[in-house]
Amino acid sequence: MLDQTRIIRADIYSLAKSYNHYAEVDVHFDERAKFQAALDTRILAYGAGINDYGAKQLAPHMLRAATILRAFCFESLEKTQMTCDNLFEIFKHHDIGKTDEHYKRATIWTLDRAPTPEEKADQKRHAELGPKVIDDVLKQMEASTLFRQSDYILALKGASMYHHERLDGEGPQGLKDSALGPIMKTMCVVDAYDGDLIPRQQQIDRGEIRTPESVVLRLYEDQKYHGGLDPVIINAFRAFLPRLQELEVEFAKNDATRRPVLTPSFP
């Protein structure tokens, strides 16, 4: 069970500062490596032979989001390199709830149309299922009690559960502005940004091509984000646009679905 009181009070940033992931000083290094390998195996196998969603979309999305988060926190928010590396390790599995057995066939994630309200509500459940999946993997690998209770695991559970929260309390878990720390708010922005850049079938059908600039503007202007994302963080994200464009070029080298159209920075 996720200790919500502790994660809300401490914030993921505080947890990420509290451990060092390098082997020579991290007592959990070997166990965490085994755990992360188990998560990766689970992700890559998810949807195999159906739509290969885990390998083709889920894993790349989480890796991109984690890369953006690390760069943004280090270069714009001026967090320490170690903390940013830890945040990367945490966020690269933040959507693990999508692999829960509740979504056995994975087709809910690759609809060729906009989801119905019922489907959308079902998709949102992946956030609350994140900690459950993490506990399932910990149980399967017979993880030690110390590792189960480590700051890394607690931070990962928090990231998996809270990355769709909104300032107005309309997110899956109902947390509001005062209950969300700055890194949680940043994770919500980063996940929304990369998610909106993923080509959807309905966008392709109408010839819509999204760019880093157009998506950052959507975070400001789109009704679905109104009242949800922190405007201070979005403003910092807007100033980060040139770097986002550089990262998008790098992502496109390894992902044929990414079609970066570079646009001028905001004035």
C-alpha atoms as a PDB file:
ATOM      1  CA  MET A   1       0.000   0.000   0.000  1.00  0.00           C
ATOM      2  CA  LEU A   2       1.345   3.423  -0.943  1.00  0.00           C
ATOM      3  CA  ASP A   3       1.975   5.701   2.011  1.00  0.00           C
ATOM      4  CA  GLN A   4       0.189   8.735   0.553  1.00  0.00           C
ATOM      5  CA  THR A   5       0.822  10.948   3.576  1.00  0.00           C
ATOM      6  CA  ARG A   6       4.565  10.478   3.339  1.00  0.00           C
ATOM      7  CA  ILE A   7       4.787  10.944  -0.418  1.00  0.00           C
ATOM      8  CA  ILE A   8       2.669  14.110  -0.291  1.00  0.00           C
ATOM      9  CA  ARG A   9       4.613  15.650   2.561  1.00  0.00           C
ATOM     10  CA  ALA A  10       8.077  14.680   1.388  1.00  0.00           C
ATOM     11  CA  ASP A  11       7.538  15.206  -2.349  1.00  0.00           C
ATOM     12  CA  ILE A  12       9.334  13.101  -4.924  1.00  0.00           C
ATOM     13  CA  TYR A  13      12.127  15.681  -5.083  1.00  0.00           C
ATOM     14  CA  SER A  14      13.039  15.118  -1.446  1.00  0.00           C
ATOM     15  CA  LEU A  15      12.971  11.367  -1.954  1.00  0.00           C
ATOM     16  CA  ALA A  16      15.122  11.604  -5.077  1.00  0.00           C
ATOM     17  CA  LYS A  17      17.738  13.624  -3.201  1.00  0.00           C
ATOM     18  CA  SER A  18      17.983  11.022  -0.463  1.00  0.00           C
ATOM     19  CA  TYR A  19      19.755   8.191  -2.276  1.00  0.00           C
ATOM     20  CA  ASN A  20      22.686   7.736  -4.626  1.00  0.00           C
ATOM     21  CA  HIS A  21      22.140   5.259  -7.455  1.00  0.00           C
ATOM     22  CA  TYR A  22      25.818   4.551  -8.066  1.00  0.00           C
ATOM     23  CA  ALA A  23      26.914   1.020  -7.187  1.00  0.00           C
ATOM     24  CA  GLU A  24      29.715   1.851  -4.789  1.00  0.00           C
ATOM     25  CA  VAL A  25      27.439   3.718  -2.373  1.00  0.00           C
ATOM     26  CA  ASP A  26      23.954   2.315  -2.993  1.00  0.00           C
ATOM     27  CA  VAL A  27      23.013  -0.647  -0.802  1.00  0.00           C
ATOM     28  CA  HIS A  28      20.050  -1.340  -3.118  1.00  0.00           C
ATOM     29  CA  PHE A  29      21.993  -1.211  -6.399  1.00  0.00           C
ATOM     30  CA  ASP A  30      21.836  -4.920  -7.288  1.00  0.00           C
ATOM     31  CA  GLU A  31      18.252  -5.340  -6.158  1.00  0.00           C
ATOM     32  CA  ARG A  32      17.114  -2.251  -8.026  1.00  0.00           C
ATOM     33  CA  ALA A  33      18.871  -3.400 -11.202  1.00  0.00           C
ATOM     34  CA  LYS A  34      17.025  -6.727 -10.956  1.00  0.00           C
ATOM     35  CA  PHE A  35      13.740  -4.950 -10.301  1.00  0.00           C
ATOM     36  CA  GLN A  36      14.158  -2.552 -13.236  1.00  0.00           C
ATOM     37  CA  ALA A  37      15.058  -5.428 -15.549  1.00  0.00           C
ATOM     38  CA  ALA A  38      11.837  -7.175 -14.484  1.00  0.00           C
ATOM     39  CA  LEU A  39       9.833  -4.018 -15.226  1.00  0.00           C
ATOM     40  CA  ASP A  40      11.483  -3.672 -18.642  1.00  0.00           C
ATOM     41  CA  THR A  41      10.734  -7.296 -19.488  1.00  0.00           C
ATOM     42  CA  ARG A  42       7.120  -6.820 -18.489  1.00  0.00           C
ATOM     43  CA  ILE A  43       6.797  -3.641 -20.575  1.00  0.00           C
ATOM     44  CA  LEU A  44       8.375  -5.111 -23.709  1.00  0.00           C
ATOM     45  CA  ALA A  45       6.142  -8.188 -23.481  1.00  0.00           C
ATOM     46  CA  TYR A  46       2.981  -6.135 -23.027  1.00  0.00           C
ATOM     47  CA  GLY A  47       0.803  -6.363 -26.132  1.00  0.00           C
ATOM     48  CA  ALA A  48       3.292  -8.615 -27.935  1.00  0.00           C
ATOM     49  CA  GLY A  49       1.644 -10.283 -30.918  1.00  0.00           C
ATOM     50  CA  ILE A  50      -1.375  -7.971 -30.664  1.00  0.00           C
ATOM     51  CA  ASN A  51      -0.210  -4.420 -31.198  1.00  0.00           C
ATOM     52  CA  ASP A  52       3.245  -4.515 -29.558  1.00  0.00           C
ATOM     53  CA  TYR A  53       2.161  -1.496 -27.546  1.00  0.00           C
ATOM     54  CA  GLY A  54       4.736  -2.012 -24.800  1.00  0.00           C
ATOM     55  CA  ALA A  55       7.760  -2.083 -27.104  1.00  0.00           C
ATOM     56  CA  LYS A  56       6.567   0.345 -29.770  1.00  0.00           C
ATOM     57  CA  GLN A  57       4.814   3.041 -27.750  1.00  0.00           C
ATOM     58  CA  LEU A  58       4.897   2.629 -23.974  1.00  0.00           C
ATOM     59  CA  ALA A  59       8.626   2.092 -23.450  1.00  0.00           C
ATOM     60  CA  PRO A  60       9.648   4.892 -25.855  1.00  0.00           C
ATOM     61  CA  HIS A  61       7.171   7.321 -24.268  1.00  0.00           C
ATOM     62  CA  MET A  62       8.453   6.699 -20.747  1.00  0.00           C
ATOM     63  CA  LEU A  63      12.089   6.960 -21.841  1.00  0.00           C
ATOM     64  CA  ARG A  64      11.454  10.232 -23.673  1.00  0.00           C
ATOM     65  CA  ALA A  65       9.525  11.689 -20.745  1.00  0.00           C
ATOM     66  CA  ALA A  66      12.263  10.684 -18.305  1.00  0.00           C
ATOM     67  CA  THR A  67      14.918  12.215 -20.571  1.00  0.00           C
ATOM     68  CA  ILE A  68      12.989  15.481 -20.825  1.00  0.00           C
ATOM     69  CA  LEU A  69      12.403  15.558 -17.070  1.00  0.00           C
ATOM     70  CA  ARG A  70      16.081  15.051 -16.308  1.00  0.00           C
ATOM     71  CA  ALA A  71      17.188  17.757 -18.743  1.00  0.00           C
ATOM     72  CA  PHE A  72      14.540  20.245 -17.618  1.00  0.00           C
ATOM     73  CA  CYS A  73      15.209  19.757 -13.906  1.00  0.00           C
ATOM     74  CA  PHE A  74      18.957  20.087 -14.371  1.00  0.00           C
ATOM     75  CA  GLU A  75      19.113  22.882 -16.928  1.00  0.00           C
ATOM     76  CA  SER A  76      16.058  24.978 -16.008  1.00  0.00           C
ATOM     77  CA  LEU A  77      15.264  24.168 -12.375  1.00  0.00           C
ATOM     78  CA  GLU A  78      18.972  23.845 -11.473  1.00  0.00           C
ATOM     79  CA  LYS A  79      18.660  20.669  -9.419  1.00  0.00           C
ATOM     80  CA  THR A  80      21.799  18.631  -8.794  1.00  0.00           C
ATOM     81  CA  GLN A  81      22.972  16.140 -11.402  1.00  0.00           C
ATOM     82  CA  MET A  82      22.527  13.220  -8.997  1.00  0.00           C
ATOM     83  CA  THR A  83      18.978  14.231  -8.146  1.00  0.00           C
ATOM     84  CA  CYS A  84      18.121  14.636 -11.833  1.00  0.00           C
ATOM     85  CA  ASP A  85      19.631  11.232 -12.626  1.00  0.00           C
ATOM     86  CA  ASN A  86      17.495   9.743  -9.853  1.00  0.00           C
ATOM     87  CA  LEU A  87      14.387  11.437 -11.244  1.00  0.00           C
ATOM     88  CA  PHE A  88      15.210   9.899 -14.626  1.00  0.00           C
ATOM     89  CA  GLU A  89      15.426   6.435 -13.028  1.00  0.00           C
ATOM     90  CA  ILE A  90      12.078   7.002 -11.342  1.00  0.00           C
ATOM     91  CA  PHE A  91      10.177   8.450 -14.294  1.00  0.00           C
ATOM     92  CA  LYS A  92      11.293   5.954 -16.926  1.00  0.00           C
ATOM     93  CA  HIS A  93       8.720   3.534 -15.473  1.00  0.00           C
ATOM     94  CA  HIS A  94       6.006   6.003 -14.450  1.00  0.00           C
ATOM     95  CA  ASP A  95       3.316   4.505 -16.737  1.00  0.00           C
ATOM     96  CA  ILE A  96       3.850   0.939 -15.526  1.00  0.00           C
ATOM     97  CA  GLY A  97       0.199   0.784 -14.419  1.00  0.00           C
ATOM     98  CA  LYS A  98      -0.783   0.421 -18.079  1.00  0.00           C
ATOM     99  CA  THR A  99       0.632  -3.124 -18.012  1.00  0.00           C
ATOM    100  CA  ASP A 100      -1.716  -4.286 -15.256  1.00  0.00           C
ATOM    101  CA  GLU A 101      -3.737  -7.407 -16.014  1.00  0.00           C
ATOM    102  CA  HIS A 102      -6.834  -5.198 -16.072  1.00  0.00           C
ATOM    103  CA  TYR A 103      -5.661  -4.165 -19.566  1.00  0.00           C
ATOM    104  CA  LYS A 104      -4.915  -7.646 -20.833  1.00  0.00           C
ATOM    105  CA  ARG A 105      -5.170  -7.039 -24.568  1.00  0.00           C
ATOM    106  CA  ALA A 106      -3.571  -3.590 -24.690  1.00  0.00           C
ATOM    107  CA  THR A 107      -5.994  -2.490 -27.437  1.00  0.00           C
ATOM    108  CA  ILE A 108      -7.451   0.205 -25.165  1.00  0.00           C
ATOM    109  CA  TRP A 109      -4.279   2.220 -25.834  1.00  0.00           C
ATOM    110  CA  THR A 110      -4.282   2.012 -29.650  1.00  0.00           C
ATOM    111  CA  LEU A 111      -7.821   2.928 -30.644  1.00  0.00           C
ATOM    112  CA  ASP A 112      -8.244   4.250 -34.188  1.00  0.00           C
ATOM    113  CA  ARG A 113     -10.627   6.927 -32.887  1.00  0.00           C
ATOM    114  CA  ALA A 114     -11.102   9.111 -29.838  1.00  0.00           C
ATOM    115  CA  PRO A 115     -12.027   7.016 -26.763  1.00  0.00           C
ATOM    116  CA  THR A 116     -15.585   7.053 -25.465  1.00  0.00           C
ATOM    117  CA  PRO A 117     -16.136   8.571 -21.989  1.00  0.00           C
ATOM    118  CA  GLU A 118     -16.255   5.053 -20.549  1.00  0.00           C
ATOM    119  CA  GLU A 119     -13.021   4.078 -22.270  1.00  0.00           C
ATOM    120  CA  LYS A 120     -11.366   7.297 -21.140  1.00  0.00           C
ATOM    121  CA  ALA A 121     -12.363   6.616 -17.534  1.00  0.00           C
ATOM    122  CA  ASP A 122     -10.977   3.099 -17.833  1.00  0.00           C
ATOM    123  CA  GLN A 123      -7.695   4.422 -19.248  1.00  0.00           C
ATOM    124  CA  LYS A 124      -7.325   6.778 -16.298  1.00  0.00           C
ATOM    125  CA  ARG A 125      -7.344   3.838 -13.912  1.00  0.00           C
ATOM    126  CA  HIS A 126      -3.749   3.032 -14.882  1.00  0.00           C
ATOM    127  CA  ALA A 127      -2.528   5.645 -12.399  1.00  0.00           C
ATOM    128  CA  GLU A 128      -4.055   3.937  -9.386  1.00  0.00           C
ATOM    129  CA  LEU A 129      -2.883   0.554 -10.716  1.00  0.00           C
ATOM    130  CA  GLY A 130       0.767   1.645 -10.876  1.00  0.00           C
ATOM    131  CA  PRO A 131       1.620   0.869  -7.227  1.00  0.00           C
ATOM    132  CA  LYS A 132      -0.176  -2.486  -7.542  1.00  0.00           C
ATOM    133  CA  VAL A 133       1.982  -3.507 -10.514  1.00  0.00           C
ATOM    134  CA  ILE A 134       5.111  -2.427  -8.646  1.00  0.00           C
ATOM    135  CA  ASP A 135       4.116  -4.524  -5.615  1.00  0.00           C
ATOM    136  CA  ASP A 136       3.380  -7.494  -7.876  1.00  0.00           C
ATOM    137  CA  VAL A 137       6.876  -7.333  -9.379  1.00  0.00           C
ATOM    138  CA  LEU A 138       8.479  -6.893  -5.954  1.00  0.00           C
ATOM    139  CA  LYS A 139       6.631  -9.972  -4.738  1.00  0.00           C
ATOM    140  CA  GLN A 140       7.608 -12.040  -7.763  1.00  0.00           C
ATOM    141  CA  MET A 141      11.302 -11.242  -7.290  1.00  0.00           C
ATOM    142  CA  GLU A 142      11.068 -11.786  -3.527  1.00  0.00           C
ATOM    143  CA  ALA A 143      12.481  -8.354  -2.828  1.00  0.00           C
ATOM    144  CA  SER A 144      13.826  -7.553   0.611  1.00  0.00           C
ATOM    145  CA  THR A 145      11.765  -5.533   3.051  1.00  0.00           C
ATOM    146  CA  LEU A 146      14.404  -2.788   3.000  1.00  0.00           C
ATOM    147  CA  PHE A 147      14.165  -2.425  -0.768  1.00  0.00           C
ATOM    148  CA  ARG A 148      10.344  -2.498  -0.719  1.00  0.00           C
ATOM    149  CA  GLN A 149      10.434   0.405   1.735  1.00  0.00           C
ATOM    150  CA  SER A 150      13.245   2.325   0.027  1.00  0.00           C
ATOM    151  CA  ASP A 151      12.863   5.919  -1.103  1.00  0.00           C
ATOM    152  CA  TYR A 152      13.332   4.781  -4.707  1.00  0.00           C
ATOM    153  CA  ILE A 153      10.309   2.457  -4.556  1.00  0.00           C
ATOM    154  CA  LEU A 154       8.210   5.039  -2.729  1.00  0.00           C
ATOM    155  CA  ALA A 155       9.108   7.713  -5.282  1.00  0.00           C
ATOM    156  CA  LEU A 156       8.359   5.358  -8.188  1.00  0.00           C
ATOM    157  CA  LYS A 157       4.961   4.533  -6.719  1.00  0.00           C
ATOM    158  CA  GLY A 158       4.260   8.233  -6.318  1.00  0.00           C
ATOM    159  CA  ALA A 159       5.269   8.995  -9.903  1.00  0.00           C
ATOM    160  CA  SER A 160       3.132   6.132 -11.229  1.00  0.00           C
ATOM    161  CA  MET A 161       0.104   7.210  -9.214  1.00  0.00           C
ATOM    162  CA  TYR A 162       0.189  11.004  -9.397  1.00  0.00           C
ATOM    163  CA  HIS A 163       1.481  11.925 -12.870  1.00  0.00           C
ATOM    164  CA  HIS A 164      -2.033  12.870 -14.071  1.00  0.00           C
ATOM    165  CA  GLU A 165      -3.034  14.993 -11.083  1.00  0.00           C
ATOM    166  CA  ARG A 166      -4.413  18.500 -11.613  1.00  0.00           C
ATOM    167  CA  LEU A 167      -4.175  21.703  -9.593  1.00  0.00           C
ATOM    168  CA  ASP A 168      -7.978  21.915  -9.500  1.00  0.00           C
ATOM    169  CA  GLY A 169      -8.290  18.460  -7.931  1.00  0.00           C
ATOM    170  CA  GLU A 170      -9.895  16.896 -11.011  1.00  0.00           C
ATOM    171  CA  GLY A 171      -7.114  14.332 -11.528  1.00  0.00           C
ATOM    172  CA  PRO A 172      -7.500  10.575 -10.921  1.00  0.00           C
ATOM    173  CA  GLN A 173      -6.573  10.745  -7.212  1.00  0.00           C
ATOM    174  CA  GLY A 174      -8.166  14.132  -6.492  1.00  0.00           C
ATOM    175  CA  LEU A 175      -5.055  15.839  -5.141  1.00  0.00           C
ATOM    176  CA  LYS A 176      -5.077  19.624  -5.363  1.00  0.00           C
ATOM    177  CA  ASP A 177      -2.400  22.279  -5.766  1.00  0.00           C
ATOM    178  CA  SER A 178      -1.401  22.412  -2.100  1.00  0.00           C
ATOM    179  CA  ALA A 179      -0.894  18.642  -1.943  1.00  0.00           C
ATOM    180  CA  LEU A 180       1.353  18.482  -5.002  1.00  0.00           C
ATOM    181  CA  GLY A 181       5.055  19.227  -4.740  1.00  0.00           C
ATOM    182  CA  PRO A 182       6.953  21.065  -7.502  1.00  0.00           C
ATOM    183  CA  ILE A 183       8.467  17.928  -9.016  1.00  0.00           C
ATOM    184  CA  MET A 184       5.098  16.166  -9.099  1.00  0.00           C
ATOM    185  CA  LYS A 185       3.697  19.200 -10.922  1.00  0.00           C
ATOM    186  CA  THR A 186       6.644  19.098 -13.316  1.00  0.00           C
ATOM    187  CA  MET A 187       6.080  15.389 -13.982  1.00  0.00           C
ATOM    188  CA  CYS A 188       2.466  16.165 -14.899  1.00  0.00           C
ATOM    189  CA  VAL A 189       3.602  18.797 -17.401  1.00  0.00           C
ATOM    190  CA  VAL A 190       6.284  16.558 -18.936  1.00  0.00           C
ATOM    191  CA  ASP A 191       3.935  13.590 -19.307  1.00  0.00           C
ATOM    192  CA  ALA A 192       1.249  15.779 -20.892  1.00  0.00           C
ATOM    193  CA  TYR A 193       3.783  17.309 -23.278  1.00  0.00           C
ATOM    194  CA  ASP A 194       5.222  14.056 -24.585  1.00  0.00           C
ATOM    195  CA  GLY A 195       1.820  12.383 -24.650  1.00  0.00           C
ATOM    196  CA  ASP A 196       0.437  15.172 -26.832  1.00  0.00           C
ATOM    197  CA  LEU A 197       3.310  14.727 -29.293  1.00  0.00           C
ATOM    198  CA  ILE A 198       2.496  11.049 -29.857  1.00  0.00           C
ATOM    199  CA  PRO A 199       0.695  10.802 -33.239  1.00  0.00           C
ATOM    200  CA  ARG A 200      -2.919   9.629 -32.824  1.00  0.00           C
ATOM    201  CA  GLN A 201      -4.863   8.071 -35.661  1.00  0.00           C
ATOM    202  CA  GLN A 202      -7.502  10.796 -35.616  1.00  0.00           C
ATOM    203  CA  GLN A 203      -4.763  13.445 -35.949  1.00  0.00           C
ATOM    204  CA  ILE A 204      -3.188  11.590 -38.860  1.00  0.00           C
ATOM    205  CA  ASP A 205      -6.578  11.290 -40.568  1.00  0.00           C
ATOM    206  CA  ARG A 206      -7.061  15.055 -40.516  1.00  0.00           C
ATOM    207  CA  GLY A 207      -3.463  15.802 -41.500  1.00  0.00           C
ATOM    208  CA  GLU A 208      -2.497  17.358 -38.184  1.00  0.00           C
ATOM    209  CA  ILE A 209       1.208  17.450 -37.358  1.00  0.00           C
ATOM    210  CA  ARG A 210       2.142  18.591 -33.883  1.00  0.00           C
ATOM    211  CA  THR A 211       5.441  20.240 -33.043  1.00  0.00           C
ATOM    212  CA  PRO A 212       7.161  21.019 -29.743  1.00  0.00           C
ATOM    213  CA  GLU A 213       6.015  24.639 -30.073  1.00  0.00           C
ATOM    214  CA  SER A 214       2.396  23.781 -30.873  1.00  0.00           C
ATOM    215  CA  VAL A 215       2.192  21.346 -27.968  1.00  0.00           C
ATOM    216  CA  VAL A 216       3.644  23.823 -25.475  1.00  0.00           C
ATOM    217  CA  LEU A 217       0.957  26.264 -26.667  1.00  0.00           C
ATOM    218  CA  ARG A 218      -1.660  23.553 -26.134  1.00  0.00           C
ATOM    219  CA  LEU A 219      -0.530  23.222 -22.522  1.00  0.00           C
ATOM    220  CA  TYR A 220      -1.423  26.917 -22.172  1.00  0.00           C
ATOM    221  CA  GLU A 221      -4.552  27.089 -24.269  1.00  0.00           C
ATOM    222  CA  ASP A 222      -6.286  23.715 -24.642  1.00  0.00           C
ATOM    223  CA  GLN A 223      -9.456  23.470 -22.583  1.00  0.00           C
ATOM    224  CA  LYS A 224      -8.556  20.024 -21.263  1.00  0.00           C
ATOM    225  CA  TYR A 225      -5.547  21.496 -19.457  1.00  0.00           C
ATOM    226  CA  HIS A 226      -7.325  24.586 -18.145  1.00  0.00           C
ATOM    227  CA  GLY A 227      -6.867  24.743 -14.380  1.00  0.00           C
ATOM    228  CA  GLY A 228      -4.853  21.546 -14.368  1.00  0.00           C
ATOM    229  CA  LEU A 229      -1.183  22.334 -14.967  1.00  0.00           C
ATOM    230  CA  ASP A 230       1.003  24.729 -13.015  1.00  0.00           C
ATOM    231  CA  PRO A 231       1.382  27.960 -15.060  1.00  0.00           C
ATOM    232  CA  VAL A 232       4.758  28.744 -13.469  1.00  0.00           C
ATOM    233  CA  ILE A 233       6.156  25.407 -14.622  1.00  0.00           C
ATOM    234  CA  ILE A 234       4.569  25.762 -18.066  1.00  0.00           C
ATOM    235  CA  ASN A 235       6.192  29.175 -18.367  1.00  0.00           C
ATOM    236  CA  ALA A 236       9.584  27.652 -17.528  1.00  0.00           C
ATOM    237  CA  PHE A 237       8.822  24.877 -20.008  1.00  0.00           C
ATOM    238  CA  ARG A 238       8.085  27.491 -22.653  1.00  0.00           C
ATOM    239  CA  ALA A 239      11.525  29.035 -22.104  1.00  0.00           C
ATOM    240  CA  PHE A 240      12.948  25.508 -22.448  1.00  0.00           C
ATOM    241  CA  LEU A 241      11.518  25.154 -25.980  1.00  0.00           C
ATOM    242  CA  PRO A 242      14.847  25.352 -27.893  1.00  0.00           C
ATOM    243  CA  ARG A 243      16.123  22.423 -25.841  1.00  0.00           C
ATOM    244  CA  LEU A 244      12.877  20.519 -26.399  1.00  0.00           C
ATOM    245  CA  GLN A 245      13.361  20.941 -30.131  1.00  0.00           C
ATOM    246  CA  GLU A 246      16.908  19.566 -29.876  1.00  0.00           C
ATOM    247  CA  LEU A 247      15.685  16.580 -27.878  1.00  0.00           C
ATOM    248  CA  GLU A 248      12.925  15.935 -30.416  1.00  0.00           C
ATOM    249  CA  VAL A 249      15.505  15.643 -33.184  1.00  0.00           C
ATOM    250  CA  GLU A 250      17.393  13.084 -31.091  1.00  0.00           C
ATOM    251  CA  PHE A 251      14.208  11.122 -30.341  1.00  0.00           C
ATOM    252  CA  ALA A 252      13.313  11.010 -34.046  1.00  0.00           C
ATOM    253  CA  LYS A 253      16.587   9.242 -34.832  1.00  0.00           C
ATOM    254  CA  ASN A 254      15.353   6.187 -32.931  1.00  0.00           C
ATOM    255  CA  ASP A 255      11.608   6.476 -33.453  1.00  0.00           C
ATOM    256  CA  ALA A 256      10.068   6.633 -36.912  1.00  0.00           C
ATOM    257  CA  THR A 257       6.741   7.862 -35.500  1.00  0.00           C
ATOM    258  CA  ARG A 258       8.343  11.144 -34.407  1.00  0.00           C
ATOM    259  CA  ARG A 259       8.233  13.794 -37.111  1.00  0.00           C
ATOM    260  CA  PRO A 260       9.949  16.879 -35.693  1.00  0.00           C
ATOM    261  CA  VAL A 261       9.062  20.129 -37.401  1.00  0.00           C
ATOM    262  CA  LEU A 262      11.351  22.736 -35.936  1.00  0.00           C
ATOM    263  CA  THR A 263       9.788  26.115 -35.355  1.00  0.00           C
ATOM    264  CA  PRO A 264      11.196  29.389 -34.058  1.00  0.00           C
ATOM    265  CA  SER A 265      11.407  29.855 -30.314  1.00  0.00           C
ATOM    266  CA  PHE A 266       8.848  32.028 -28.579  1.00  0.00           C
ATOM    267  CA  PRO A 267       9.844  35.686 -28.478  1.00  0.00           C
END
